[in-house]
Amino acid sequence: MNTQSGLTMAEQLDPFRRKLQQSYSTVRPVSESVLDLASHVQGTDQFVKLRDIVLQWIKNRSGRPLPVAALRGESFDLEEVGSQRTGAVALPSPRYWAARLDDSDREVPQRNWVTEIGIGETAQGRVIFGSRLLCVTRGFDAPFQPSIQSFVRQIVGNCQDITVDGRSIARSVTVVDSEDGVDDLVDLLNRKSRRLAVVVCALPEGSEEVGDSTVDADRLHRYTLGAAHLIVLTASASWFLSDRVGKEFSVFRGAVRSYRPGFDITSDEPFAHPLALPDRIRSWPNGGSQAYEDFLISKLLSSAATTQGSENRIPSFTLVRQLAAEQKLAAARDLGSSDEDLLALAEDEISELKQALEKDRTVYTGLVSQYERERDQAREELEQIQATNNHLRQRLEALQGRLKQASDRPIEQQLPNNLAGFEEWCREHLSGSVEVHNRAMQGVKNSLYVDTTLIYKSLLVLRDEYVPMRREGGLERKHQFETACANLGLAEEPTFSGARYGEQGDEYFVRYAGRRVLLDRHLKKGNGRDQRYCFRLYFFWDDDNEQAVVGWLPSHLDTRIT
């Protein structure tokens, strides 16, 4: 709607909107570390030891001396003039100690580093330690390099029997140099309960020395303690890893790969677990290898800080304070305190909760705003990537057309007579039109089908006939596709009629671009169940990228009949 001034209502309100946004804080989750420790080691109470390490760290930053009660591990609040906002809450049963420190940035105005720490004993006789770091900025949000708190490194260096994701955490870089070590690594990669990324730095060919790594592995380990698993893989051990997970998911010759949680070679695509090659690392913008290390540290810490279930791993300081107030009120009732005393306790609890809720409202409003900005940015990046892909696809189609015209040999004479180089062939001949999902690659590796050339020919039919039919439409294209299928003895059909696909669970689905997608079409030849002579190719059409995605071949997937 236009106004008399010529500006739309949205344009007139924009200055007010900007002013309102400035009243909220930008909140960035920086890092999160969760450690699992034995409660007692050689007579030492590790709960107390952890608490003392954190209290010493708080003492050095609080701006004023801590109360005597604080040093005894009791609850306290420090709000004196000149002090940083600091507090701790102690619960006797189950034993739990939580603390929070708002540390003002010395260089960036109106920026605070909010640290929340929780230490608790479990019924299994273990101690869980967790720390969370947030950056809260009101005003200009200057960039920063994420990090973990120094006391996390101090804890790892001074405490015993520490595990993360069920794996012992080492004080120095873990080097895998044997077949047994690779088996342990693969077990960690496949662990469904794993919460953190596993970063594997492969040494160059022929090297067994950590110092030859393309990145500074010691620095990566030191700056991601409790937020990632770091492994250095020797050149000889890389071969064993390739045998276990396949070349497409392995890492070798100086490359670095990050295996995200939920790793599954049967359903994941290789790019879901980012790989950085050594030349790319050395030429990383604005600093080469060290700039890449900073980038990787930032990604790993951010990922650990934003995984689901953070509140369950490290209860917020507000929640712990609320529990302490409820316990105090219940204890007063049990002791027969007067109504006046109970009312005073309740009023104190309400007052503290109001203050805490106001702080949390500011924080969570900032988090929502930050996530909305990141969402909008991701959308813009996706649109740019899609436009670039569309341009590249058009160029690729033109080049493929020229190559097809220039070739003086029939396609049948160019096809491999075995499946040994199937993955490389797909990348060379199908890119931009047909994507062969990793699950389908696994099916081909275990193939018993005798007519290997049909596997290649069926994929070329998708590339040359099906994809143009879907992109351009028209009866002529449809007729060309049907004729090409008939010449090979293939039939193209819906995978299921009705809703029967749900009878086989995930059998007919693949994970693609972060979503679960049904393989709703298939090419078929033969009706028997003998995998040597029965051919099936299951696929779906990807509207976003205008390409066919093959999710399984060449055998028949299970049905209700089988």
Protein backbone atom coordinates (compact mmCIF):
# COMPACT_ATOMS: atom_id res chain seq x y z
CA MET A 1 0.00 0.00 0.00
CA ASN A 2 1.39 3.42 -1.04
CA THR A 3 1.04 6.48 1.18
CA GLN A 4 0.85 10.15 0.24
CA SER A 5 4.58 10.55 0.81
CA GLY A 6 5.26 8.00 -1.91
CA LEU A 7 6.69 5.47 0.54
CA THR A 8 5.05 2.20 1.35
CA MET A 9 3.93 1.55 4.92
CA ALA A 10 6.75 -1.01 5.32
CA GLU A 11 9.32 1.59 4.21
CA GLN A 12 7.96 4.18 6.66
CA LEU A 13 8.07 1.68 9.52
CA ASP A 14 11.55 0.41 8.67
CA PRO A 15 13.42 2.91 10.96
CA PHE A 16 11.22 1.83 13.88
CA ARG A 17 11.82 -1.81 13.04
CA ARG A 18 15.59 -1.27 13.03
CA LYS A 19 15.44 0.60 16.33
CA LEU A 20 13.41 -2.21 17.87
CA GLN A 21 15.89 -4.82 16.64
CA GLN A 22 18.72 -2.91 18.33
CA SER A 23 16.96 -3.41 21.67
CA TYR A 24 17.47 -7.15 21.34
CA SER A 25 20.75 -8.98 21.64
CA THR A 26 22.45 -11.11 19.03
CA VAL A 27 23.11 -14.44 20.72
CA ARG A 28 25.53 -16.95 19.22
CA PRO A 29 26.13 -20.42 20.70
CA VAL A 30 29.93 -20.64 20.71
CA SER A 31 30.88 -24.01 22.17
CA GLU A 32 29.75 -26.84 24.39
CA SER A 33 31.81 -29.55 26.09
CA VAL A 34 30.40 -32.54 27.97
CA LEU A 35 32.77 -34.89 29.81
CA ASP A 36 32.04 -38.14 31.65
CA LEU A 37 34.41 -38.93 34.54
CA ALA A 38 34.83 -41.52 37.27
CA SER A 39 33.60 -40.07 40.57
CA HIS A 40 36.69 -41.15 42.53
CA VAL A 41 40.23 -41.81 41.30
CA GLN A 42 42.93 -42.87 43.79
CA GLY A 43 40.96 -41.41 46.67
CA THR A 44 40.30 -38.09 44.94
CA ASP A 45 36.71 -36.84 44.76
CA GLN A 46 36.61 -35.66 41.15
CA PHE A 47 33.35 -33.76 41.70
CA VAL A 48 35.15 -31.50 44.18
CA LYS A 49 38.25 -31.32 41.98
CA LEU A 50 36.21 -30.16 38.98
CA ARG A 51 34.35 -27.59 41.06
CA ASP A 52 37.61 -26.18 42.44
CA ILE A 53 39.10 -25.82 38.95
CA VAL A 54 36.03 -23.92 37.75
CA LEU A 55 35.89 -21.75 40.90
CA GLN A 56 39.50 -20.72 40.38
CA TRP A 57 38.66 -19.75 36.79
CA ILE A 58 35.62 -17.74 38.00
CA LYS A 59 37.67 -16.11 40.75
CA ASN A 60 40.14 -14.78 38.16
CA ARG A 61 37.30 -13.15 36.17
CA SER A 62 34.72 -12.11 38.75
CA GLY A 63 36.18 -8.63 39.33
CA ARG A 64 35.66 -8.90 43.10
CA PRO A 65 36.65 -11.52 45.71
CA LEU A 66 34.27 -14.45 45.92
CA PRO A 67 32.34 -15.02 49.17
CA VAL A 68 33.81 -17.58 51.58
CA ALA A 69 30.71 -19.73 51.02
CA ALA A 70 31.55 -19.88 47.31
CA LEU A 71 34.96 -21.41 47.96
CA ARG A 72 33.25 -24.10 50.09
CA GLY A 73 31.10 -25.03 47.11
CA GLU A 74 27.91 -23.45 48.44
CA SER A 75 25.37 -21.35 46.59
CA PHE A 76 26.24 -17.67 46.13
CA ASP A 77 25.51 -14.55 44.08
CA LEU A 78 28.04 -11.82 43.35
CA GLU A 79 26.44 -8.57 42.25
CA GLU A 80 28.66 -5.94 43.87
CA VAL A 81 29.54 -2.77 42.01
CA GLY A 82 32.52 -3.47 39.78
CA SER A 83 31.98 -7.22 39.70
CA GLN A 84 30.97 -9.43 36.84
CA ARG A 85 27.52 -10.96 37.27
CA THR A 86 28.41 -14.29 38.88
CA GLY A 87 26.49 -16.97 40.73
CA ALA A 88 26.41 -20.62 41.70
CA VAL A 89 23.78 -23.04 42.99
CA ALA A 90 24.51 -26.20 44.96
CA LEU A 91 22.02 -29.07 45.27
CA PRO A 92 22.72 -31.67 47.97
CA SER A 93 20.72 -34.58 46.54
CA PRO A 94 21.43 -35.58 43.91
CA ARG A 95 24.74 -33.77 44.25
CA TYR A 96 24.83 -31.06 41.60
CA TRP A 97 26.65 -27.76 41.28
CA ALA A 98 25.90 -25.16 38.64
CA ALA A 99 27.51 -21.79 37.97
CA ARG A 100 27.14 -18.88 35.59
CA LEU A 101 29.48 -16.02 34.74
CA ASP A 102 28.73 -13.06 32.46
CA ASP A 103 32.15 -11.87 31.32
CA SER A 104 32.24 -8.46 29.60
CA ASP A 105 34.34 -8.28 26.45
CA ARG A 106 37.33 -5.97 26.88
CA GLU A 107 37.36 -4.82 23.26
CA VAL A 108 33.80 -4.98 21.85
CA PRO A 109 31.28 -2.69 23.60
CA GLN A 110 28.01 -4.25 24.82
CA ARG A 111 29.30 -7.80 24.30
CA ASN A 112 29.21 -10.45 27.04
CA TRP A 113 30.55 -13.99 27.10
CA VAL A 114 28.07 -16.07 29.08
CA THR A 115 29.47 -19.28 30.54
CA GLU A 116 27.24 -21.89 32.19
CA ILE A 117 28.77 -24.86 33.97
CA GLY A 118 27.13 -27.94 35.43
CA ILE A 119 28.70 -30.73 37.51
CA GLY A 120 26.54 -33.63 38.66
CA GLU A 121 26.80 -37.14 40.05
CA THR A 122 24.92 -39.99 38.38
CA ALA A 123 23.34 -43.06 39.93
CA GLN A 124 26.00 -45.15 38.15
CA GLY A 125 28.81 -43.58 40.17
CA ARG A 126 30.06 -41.23 37.43
CA VAL A 127 30.42 -37.47 37.32
CA ILE A 128 29.09 -35.51 34.35
CA PHE A 129 30.76 -32.20 33.63
CA GLY A 130 29.31 -29.77 31.10
CA SER A 131 30.12 -26.24 30.01
CA ARG A 132 28.30 -23.99 27.57
CA LEU A 133 29.57 -20.72 26.13
CA LEU A 134 27.33 -18.06 24.52
CA CYS A 135 28.28 -14.75 22.94
CA VAL A 136 25.65 -12.07 23.63
CA THR A 137 26.06 -8.78 21.73
CA ARG A 138 23.86 -5.72 21.68
CA GLY A 139 24.86 -3.45 18.84
CA PHE A 140 27.51 -4.20 16.21
CA ASP A 141 28.15 -7.95 16.12
CA ALA A 142 31.89 -8.04 15.42
CA PRO A 143 33.24 -11.40 14.15
CA PHE A 144 35.20 -13.62 16.52
CA GLN A 145 37.06 -16.94 16.51
CA PRO A 146 35.07 -19.53 18.57
CA SER A 147 36.88 -21.38 21.34
CA ILE A 148 36.35 -23.59 24.36
CA GLN A 149 36.99 -22.29 27.87
CA SER A 150 40.53 -22.76 29.19
CA PHE A 151 39.29 -24.73 32.20
CA VAL A 152 38.17 -27.55 29.86
CA ARG A 153 41.79 -28.07 28.77
CA GLN A 154 42.87 -27.83 32.42
CA ILE A 155 40.36 -30.53 33.40
CA VAL A 156 41.54 -32.89 30.66
CA GLY A 157 45.13 -32.31 31.73
CA ASN A 158 44.56 -32.83 35.46
CA CYS A 159 41.69 -35.32 35.87
CA GLN A 160 41.56 -39.05 35.19
CA ASP A 161 39.26 -41.53 33.45
CA ILE A 162 37.46 -39.06 31.16
CA THR A 163 35.25 -40.22 28.30
CA VAL A 164 33.30 -38.48 25.53
CA ASP A 165 30.71 -40.41 23.51
CA GLY A 166 31.83 -43.52 25.43
CA ARG A 167 35.43 -43.11 24.22
CA SER A 168 38.39 -42.18 26.42
CA ILE A 169 39.58 -38.67 25.75
CA ALA A 170 43.31 -38.38 25.21
CA ARG A 171 45.53 -35.52 26.35
CA SER A 172 47.37 -35.63 23.03
CA VAL A 173 46.44 -36.49 19.47
CA THR A 174 45.33 -40.09 18.88
CA VAL A 175 47.31 -41.78 16.10
CA VAL A 176 45.78 -44.79 14.31
CA ASP A 177 48.50 -46.86 12.65
CA SER A 178 47.23 -50.45 12.67
CA GLU A 179 44.36 -52.59 11.44
CA ASP A 180 43.02 -53.01 14.98
CA GLY A 181 43.14 -49.24 15.43
CA VAL A 182 41.14 -48.78 12.24
CA ASP A 183 38.54 -51.26 13.48
CA ASP A 184 38.15 -49.19 16.66
CA LEU A 185 37.84 -46.04 14.53
CA VAL A 186 35.13 -47.61 12.35
CA ASP A 187 33.29 -48.70 15.49
CA LEU A 188 33.32 -45.06 16.67
CA LEU A 189 32.12 -43.82 13.27
CA ASN A 190 29.20 -46.27 13.25
CA ARG A 191 28.19 -45.70 16.89
CA LYS A 192 24.55 -44.56 16.80
CA SER A 193 24.86 -42.76 20.14
CA ARG A 194 27.77 -40.65 18.90
CA ARG A 195 26.98 -36.93 19.31
CA LEU A 196 30.20 -35.32 18.10
CA ALA A 197 31.99 -35.21 14.76
CA VAL A 198 35.04 -37.39 14.14
CA VAL A 199 37.81 -35.54 12.28
CA VAL A 200 40.35 -37.80 10.58
CA CYS A 201 43.59 -36.22 9.34
CA ALA A 202 45.29 -38.59 6.91
CA LEU A 203 49.06 -38.42 6.56
CA PRO A 204 50.66 -38.09 3.10
CA GLU A 205 51.52 -41.23 1.18
CA GLY A 206 54.41 -43.10 2.81
CA SER A 207 54.29 -41.05 6.04
CA GLU A 208 53.88 -42.31 9.59
CA GLU A 209 54.81 -39.04 11.37
CA VAL A 210 52.16 -36.77 12.93
CA GLY A 211 54.21 -33.71 12.02
CA ASP A 212 53.66 -34.43 8.31
CA SER A 213 49.92 -33.76 8.58
CA THR A 214 48.56 -31.06 6.25
CA VAL A 215 47.05 -29.34 9.30
CA ASP A 216 48.37 -28.77 12.81
CA ALA A 217 46.68 -31.78 14.43
CA ASP A 218 47.89 -30.83 17.92
CA ARG A 219 46.26 -27.40 17.61
CA LEU A 220 42.98 -28.87 16.34
CA HIS A 221 42.93 -31.34 19.22
CA ARG A 222 43.69 -28.68 21.83
CA TYR A 223 40.99 -26.27 20.62
CA THR A 224 38.20 -28.85 20.22
CA LEU A 225 38.54 -30.89 23.43
CA GLY A 226 35.15 -32.28 24.41
CA ALA A 227 33.59 -30.94 21.19
CA ALA A 228 35.02 -33.34 18.58
CA HIS A 229 37.09 -36.51 18.20
CA LEU A 230 40.41 -35.95 16.40
CA ILE A 231 42.31 -38.83 14.78
CA VAL A 232 45.55 -38.85 12.79
CA LEU A 233 45.60 -41.72 10.31
CA THR A 234 48.94 -43.01 9.01
CA ALA A 235 49.38 -43.69 5.31
CA SER A 236 49.47 -47.47 5.81
CA ALA A 237 46.33 -47.43 7.98
CA SER A 238 44.44 -45.49 5.28
CA TRP A 239 44.31 -48.67 3.19
CA PHE A 240 42.54 -50.52 6.01
CA LEU A 241 39.99 -47.69 6.37
CA SER A 242 39.27 -47.81 2.62
CA ASP A 243 38.66 -51.56 2.93
CA ARG A 244 36.17 -50.98 5.76
CA VAL A 245 34.15 -48.01 4.49
CA GLY A 246 34.97 -47.88 0.77
CA LYS A 247 37.08 -45.40 -1.13
CA GLU A 248 34.25 -42.88 -1.39
CA PHE A 249 34.05 -42.56 2.43
CA SER A 250 37.73 -42.98 3.21
CA VAL A 251 40.43 -40.34 3.66
CA PHE A 252 44.05 -40.57 2.52
CA ARG A 253 47.07 -38.73 1.05
CA GLY A 254 47.02 -35.72 3.36
CA ALA A 255 43.28 -35.03 3.19
CA VAL A 256 41.02 -34.21 6.17
CA ARG A 257 37.52 -35.61 6.55
CA SER A 258 34.81 -34.77 9.11
CA TYR A 259 32.45 -37.67 9.83
CA ARG A 260 29.24 -36.22 11.20
CA PRO A 261 27.06 -38.07 13.75
CA GLY A 262 24.72 -40.70 12.28
CA PHE A 263 27.31 -41.98 9.79
CA ASP A 264 25.89 -44.80 7.66
CA ILE A 265 27.66 -46.01 4.51
CA THR A 266 24.51 -47.75 3.27
CA SER A 267 22.38 -44.61 3.11
CA ASP A 268 24.66 -41.54 3.36
CA GLU A 269 26.14 -39.66 0.47
CA PRO A 270 29.90 -38.96 0.65
CA PHE A 271 29.48 -35.17 0.62
CA ALA A 272 27.45 -35.45 3.84
CA HIS A 273 30.82 -36.00 5.56
CA PRO A 274 32.96 -33.16 4.20
CA LEU A 275 36.36 -33.92 2.70
CA ALA A 276 39.11 -31.31 2.28
CA LEU A 277 41.99 -32.20 -0.05
CA PRO A 278 45.53 -31.05 0.82
CA ASP A 279 45.85 -28.56 -2.06
CA ARG A 280 42.56 -26.96 -1.07
CA ILE A 281 43.68 -26.72 2.58
CA ARG A 282 47.01 -25.09 1.67
CA SER A 283 45.28 -22.55 -0.59
CA TRP A 284 42.44 -21.76 1.85
CA PRO A 285 41.49 -18.05 1.61
CA ASN A 286 43.09 -15.55 4.00
CA GLY A 287 45.79 -17.71 5.48
CA GLY A 288 46.15 -21.16 3.98
CA SER A 289 46.33 -24.11 6.38
CA GLN A 290 45.88 -22.07 9.55
CA ALA A 291 42.82 -20.33 8.10
CA TYR A 292 41.37 -23.74 7.28
CA GLU A 293 42.09 -24.88 10.84
CA ASP A 294 40.24 -21.84 12.21
CA PHE A 295 37.34 -22.57 9.87
CA LEU A 296 37.21 -26.23 10.94
CA ILE A 297 37.44 -25.36 14.66
CA SER A 298 34.57 -22.90 14.22
CA LYS A 299 32.40 -25.48 12.46
CA LEU A 300 33.12 -28.23 15.00
CA LEU A 301 32.44 -26.04 18.04
CA SER A 302 29.27 -24.61 16.52
CA SER A 303 28.01 -28.08 15.65
CA ALA A 304 28.64 -29.38 19.18
CA ALA A 305 26.90 -26.32 20.68
CA THR A 306 23.74 -26.59 18.58
CA THR A 307 22.96 -30.32 18.63
CA GLN A 308 19.58 -31.40 19.97
CA GLY A 309 19.24 -32.21 23.66
CA SER A 310 21.58 -29.50 24.94
CA GLU A 311 19.25 -28.70 27.85
CA ASN A 312 19.26 -32.36 28.90
CA ARG A 313 23.06 -32.55 28.84
CA ILE A 314 23.62 -29.25 30.66
CA PRO A 315 20.51 -27.96 32.47
CA SER A 316 20.34 -24.18 32.32
CA PHE A 317 21.43 -22.21 35.35
CA THR A 318 17.89 -20.83 35.63
CA LEU A 319 16.42 -24.34 35.87
CA VAL A 320 18.91 -25.42 38.53
CA ARG A 321 18.22 -22.28 40.54
CA GLN A 322 14.49 -23.00 40.34
CA LEU A 323 15.03 -26.56 41.59
CA ALA A 324 17.13 -25.26 44.48
CA ALA A 325 14.40 -22.80 45.47
CA GLU A 326 11.77 -25.56 45.38
CA GLN A 327 13.95 -27.80 47.56
CA LYS A 328 14.52 -24.97 50.02
CA LEU A 329 10.78 -24.27 50.23
CA ALA A 330 9.96 -27.98 50.68
CA ALA A 331 12.57 -28.31 53.44
CA ALA A 332 11.10 -25.29 55.23
CA ARG A 333 7.64 -26.86 55.14
CA ASP A 334 9.02 -30.12 56.53
CA LEU A 335 10.61 -28.23 59.42
CA GLY A 336 7.27 -26.61 60.25
CA SER A 337 8.24 -23.04 59.36
CA SER A 338 5.61 -20.37 59.89
CA ASP A 339 3.38 -19.15 57.11
CA GLU A 340 5.18 -15.82 57.24
CA ASP A 341 8.58 -17.48 56.67
CA LEU A 342 7.17 -19.65 53.88
CA LEU A 343 5.63 -16.59 52.23
CA ALA A 344 8.96 -14.76 52.38
CA LEU A 345 10.72 -17.72 50.77
CA ALA A 346 8.07 -17.92 48.07
CA GLU A 347 8.35 -14.18 47.37
CA ASP A 348 12.14 -14.48 47.10
CA GLU A 349 11.73 -17.37 44.69
CA ILE A 350 9.23 -15.41 42.55
CA SER A 351 11.54 -12.39 42.46
CA GLU A 352 14.54 -14.49 41.42
CA LEU A 353 12.51 -16.31 38.79
CA LYS A 354 11.29 -13.02 37.31
CA GLN A 355 14.87 -11.79 36.98
CA ALA A 356 15.99 -15.10 35.51
CA LEU A 357 13.09 -15.21 33.07
CA GLU A 358 13.92 -11.70 31.87
CA LYS A 359 17.53 -12.76 31.24
CA ASP A 360 16.39 -15.90 29.45
CA ARG A 361 13.87 -13.94 27.38
CA THR A 362 16.66 -11.68 26.15
CA VAL A 363 18.88 -14.64 25.36
CA TYR A 364 16.27 -16.73 23.57
CA THR A 365 14.92 -13.74 21.63
CA GLY A 366 18.48 -13.18 20.43
CA LEU A 367 18.85 -16.86 19.54
CA VAL A 368 15.64 -16.84 17.52
CA SER A 369 16.73 -13.69 15.68
CA GLN A 370 20.12 -15.23 14.93
CA TYR A 371 18.61 -18.47 13.64
CA GLU A 372 16.21 -16.48 11.45
CA ARG A 373 19.14 -14.57 9.95
CA GLU A 374 21.04 -17.80 9.34
CA ARG A 375 17.92 -19.34 7.76
CA ASP A 376 17.49 -16.38 5.40
CA GLN A 377 21.16 -16.47 4.50
CA ALA A 378 20.97 -20.21 3.83
CA ARG A 379 17.99 -19.65 1.55
CA GLU A 380 19.86 -17.01 -0.42
CA GLU A 381 22.90 -19.28 -0.73
CA LEU A 382 20.69 -22.15 -1.88
CA GLU A 383 19.07 -19.99 -4.55
CA GLN A 384 22.52 -18.92 -5.75
CA ILE A 385 23.74 -22.51 -5.83
CA GLN A 386 20.65 -23.62 -7.76
CA ALA A 387 21.17 -20.84 -10.31
CA THR A 388 24.83 -21.81 -10.69
CA ASN A 389 23.91 -25.50 -11.03
CA ASN A 390 21.38 -24.65 -13.71
CA HIS A 391 24.01 -22.70 -15.67
CA LEU A 392 26.58 -25.48 -15.31
CA ARG A 393 24.03 -28.12 -16.30
CA GLN A 394 23.25 -26.26 -19.51
CA ARG A 395 26.94 -26.03 -20.33
CA LEU A 396 27.39 -29.72 -19.54
CA GLU A 397 24.51 -30.68 -21.81
CA ALA A 398 26.05 -28.70 -24.66
CA LEU A 399 29.45 -30.34 -24.14
CA GLN A 400 27.93 -33.81 -23.95
CA GLY A 401 26.09 -33.17 -27.20
CA ARG A 402 29.33 -32.18 -28.92
CA LEU A 403 31.18 -35.20 -27.54
CA LYS A 404 28.38 -37.49 -28.69
CA GLN A 405 28.59 -36.08 -32.20
CA ALA A 406 32.39 -36.28 -32.25
CA SER A 407 32.55 -39.89 -31.09
CA ASP A 408 33.24 -42.29 -33.96
CA ARG A 409 32.50 -45.47 -31.97
CA PRO A 410 29.04 -46.81 -31.03
CA ILE A 411 28.25 -46.46 -27.34
CA GLU A 412 28.15 -50.26 -26.95
CA GLN A 413 31.86 -50.42 -27.81
CA GLN A 414 32.73 -47.78 -25.19
CA LEU A 415 31.06 -49.44 -22.20
CA PRO A 416 33.17 -51.27 -19.59
CA ASN A 417 32.77 -55.05 -19.44
CA ASN A 418 32.96 -55.12 -15.62
CA LEU A 419 31.94 -53.03 -12.61
CA ALA A 420 35.40 -52.36 -11.18
CA GLY A 421 35.40 -48.67 -12.14
CA PHE A 422 31.66 -48.12 -11.86
CA GLU A 423 31.84 -45.11 -9.51
CA GLU A 424 34.37 -43.25 -11.69
CA TRP A 425 32.34 -44.04 -14.83
CA CYS A 426 29.20 -42.57 -13.23
CA ARG A 427 31.01 -39.36 -12.28
CA GLU A 428 32.43 -39.00 -15.78
CA HIS A 429 29.32 -39.83 -17.82
CA LEU A 430 26.26 -39.05 -15.67
CA SER A 431 27.04 -35.86 -13.75
CA GLY A 432 24.40 -33.21 -14.14
CA SER A 433 21.69 -35.58 -15.34
CA VAL A 434 21.71 -38.75 -13.23
CA GLU A 435 22.96 -39.03 -9.66
CA VAL A 436 23.72 -42.52 -8.39
CA HIS A 437 23.11 -42.54 -4.64
CA ASN A 438 25.73 -44.18 -2.44
CA ARG A 439 23.22 -46.85 -1.47
CA ALA A 440 23.01 -47.83 -5.14
CA MET A 441 26.83 -47.89 -5.30
CA GLN A 442 26.78 -50.41 -2.46
CA GLY A 443 24.27 -52.52 -4.39
CA VAL A 444 26.50 -52.55 -7.47
CA LYS A 445 29.53 -53.60 -5.39
CA ASN A 446 27.61 -56.71 -4.29
CA SER A 447 26.02 -57.33 -7.68
CA LEU A 448 25.51 -60.89 -8.97
CA TYR A 449 23.81 -59.76 -12.18
CA VAL A 450 25.47 -61.36 -15.19
CA ASP A 451 24.73 -58.75 -17.89
CA THR A 452 26.91 -55.89 -16.60
CA THR A 453 26.52 -53.88 -19.81
CA LEU A 454 22.77 -53.57 -19.15
CA ILE A 455 23.56 -51.74 -15.92
CA TYR A 456 25.51 -49.12 -17.85
CA LYS A 457 22.98 -48.98 -20.73
CA SER A 458 20.04 -48.47 -18.37
CA LEU A 459 21.77 -45.48 -16.78
CA LEU A 460 22.47 -44.01 -20.21
CA VAL A 461 18.80 -44.41 -21.09
CA LEU A 462 17.96 -42.32 -18.03
CA ARG A 463 20.55 -39.72 -19.03
CA ASP A 464 19.79 -39.50 -22.74
CA GLU A 465 16.05 -40.16 -22.86
CA TYR A 466 14.31 -39.97 -19.46
CA VAL A 467 15.94 -36.76 -18.20
CA PRO A 468 15.30 -34.81 -21.46
CA MET A 469 11.71 -36.11 -21.40
CA ARG A 470 11.19 -34.75 -17.87
CA ARG A 471 12.94 -31.45 -18.56
CA GLU A 472 11.41 -30.68 -21.95
CA GLY A 473 8.19 -32.75 -22.01
CA GLY A 474 6.28 -33.60 -25.18
CA LEU A 475 5.00 -36.79 -26.78
CA GLU A 476 8.04 -37.14 -29.01
CA ARG A 477 10.43 -37.27 -26.07
CA LYS A 478 8.14 -39.74 -24.30
CA HIS A 479 8.09 -41.98 -27.39
CA GLN A 480 11.89 -41.85 -27.66
CA PHE A 481 12.26 -42.93 -24.02
CA GLU A 482 9.78 -45.80 -24.38
CA THR A 483 11.50 -46.97 -27.59
CA ALA A 484 14.94 -46.91 -25.92
CA CYS A 485 13.60 -48.99 -23.01
CA ALA A 486 11.95 -51.46 -25.38
CA ASN A 487 15.19 -51.91 -27.34
CA LEU A 488 16.87 -53.06 -24.13
CA GLY A 489 13.94 -55.18 -22.99
CA LEU A 490 13.25 -52.78 -20.11
CA ALA A 491 9.92 -51.64 -18.72
CA GLU A 492 9.53 -48.40 -16.74
CA GLU A 493 6.81 -48.51 -14.09
CA PRO A 494 5.72 -47.06 -10.74
CA THR A 495 7.41 -48.93 -7.91
CA PHE A 496 4.13 -49.39 -6.03
CA SER A 497 0.44 -48.95 -6.45
CA GLY A 498 -1.42 -47.28 -3.60
CA ALA A 499 0.38 -47.00 -0.27
CA ARG A 500 2.04 -50.44 -0.21
CA TYR A 501 5.53 -48.90 -0.03
CA GLY A 502 5.04 -48.52 3.72
CA GLU A 503 4.99 -52.29 4.21
CA GLN A 504 8.79 -52.58 3.90
CA GLY A 505 9.88 -49.81 6.25
CA ASP A 506 12.86 -47.91 4.80
CA GLU A 507 13.54 -50.48 2.07
CA TYR A 508 12.20 -48.23 -0.69
CA PHE A 509 13.43 -44.91 0.74
CA VAL A 510 16.76 -43.10 0.65
CA ARG A 511 18.11 -40.11 2.55
CA TYR A 512 18.64 -37.34 0.03
CA ALA A 513 19.37 -33.64 0.65
CA GLY A 514 18.39 -34.06 4.30
CA ARG A 515 15.03 -35.69 3.68
CA ARG A 516 13.55 -39.18 3.30
CA VAL A 517 12.55 -39.78 -0.34
CA LEU A 518 10.57 -42.66 -1.87
CA LEU A 519 12.03 -44.51 -4.88
CA ASP A 520 8.75 -44.24 -6.70
CA ARG A 521 9.83 -45.40 -10.20
CA HIS A 522 11.84 -48.33 -11.48
CA LEU A 523 13.21 -49.97 -14.60
CA LYS A 524 12.77 -53.73 -14.74
CA LYS A 525 13.80 -56.72 -16.79
CA GLY A 526 12.96 -60.29 -15.83
CA ASN A 527 10.46 -61.52 -13.27
CA GLY A 528 12.41 -64.18 -11.42
CA ARG A 529 14.11 -63.81 -8.04
CA ASP A 530 17.53 -65.07 -9.14
CA GLN A 531 19.83 -62.05 -8.76
CA ARG A 532 21.93 -63.25 -11.68
CA TYR A 533 19.11 -62.72 -14.18
CA CYS A 534 16.58 -60.35 -12.55
CA PHE A 535 17.30 -56.64 -13.08
CA ARG A 536 15.80 -53.67 -11.22
CA LEU A 537 16.80 -49.98 -11.12
CA TYR A 538 14.87 -47.88 -8.57
CA PHE A 539 14.92 -44.10 -8.87
CA PHE A 540 13.02 -40.84 -8.34
CA TRP A 541 12.95 -37.45 -10.03
CA ASP A 542 14.60 -34.53 -8.21
CA ASP A 543 12.59 -31.44 -9.17
CA ASP A 544 14.98 -28.97 -7.55
CA ASN A 545 18.00 -30.06 -9.59
CA GLU A 546 16.08 -31.55 -12.54
CA GLN A 547 17.87 -34.87 -12.47
CA ALA A 548 17.11 -38.55 -11.89
CA VAL A 549 18.42 -40.01 -8.64
CA VAL A 550 19.09 -43.75 -8.62
CA GLY A 551 18.64 -45.22 -5.14
CA TRP A 552 19.17 -48.92 -5.79
CA LEU A 553 20.29 -51.39 -8.47
CA PRO A 554 20.62 -53.99 -9.91
CA SER A 555 18.72 -56.47 -7.71
CA HIS A 556 15.06 -56.68 -6.69
CA LEU A 557 14.14 -55.04 -3.38
CA ASP A 558 11.95 -56.97 -0.97
CA THR A 559 8.17 -56.86 -1.32
CA ARG A 560 5.27 -58.31 0.63
CA ILE A 561 5.54 -61.44 -1.51
CA THR A 562 9.20 -62.04 -0.68
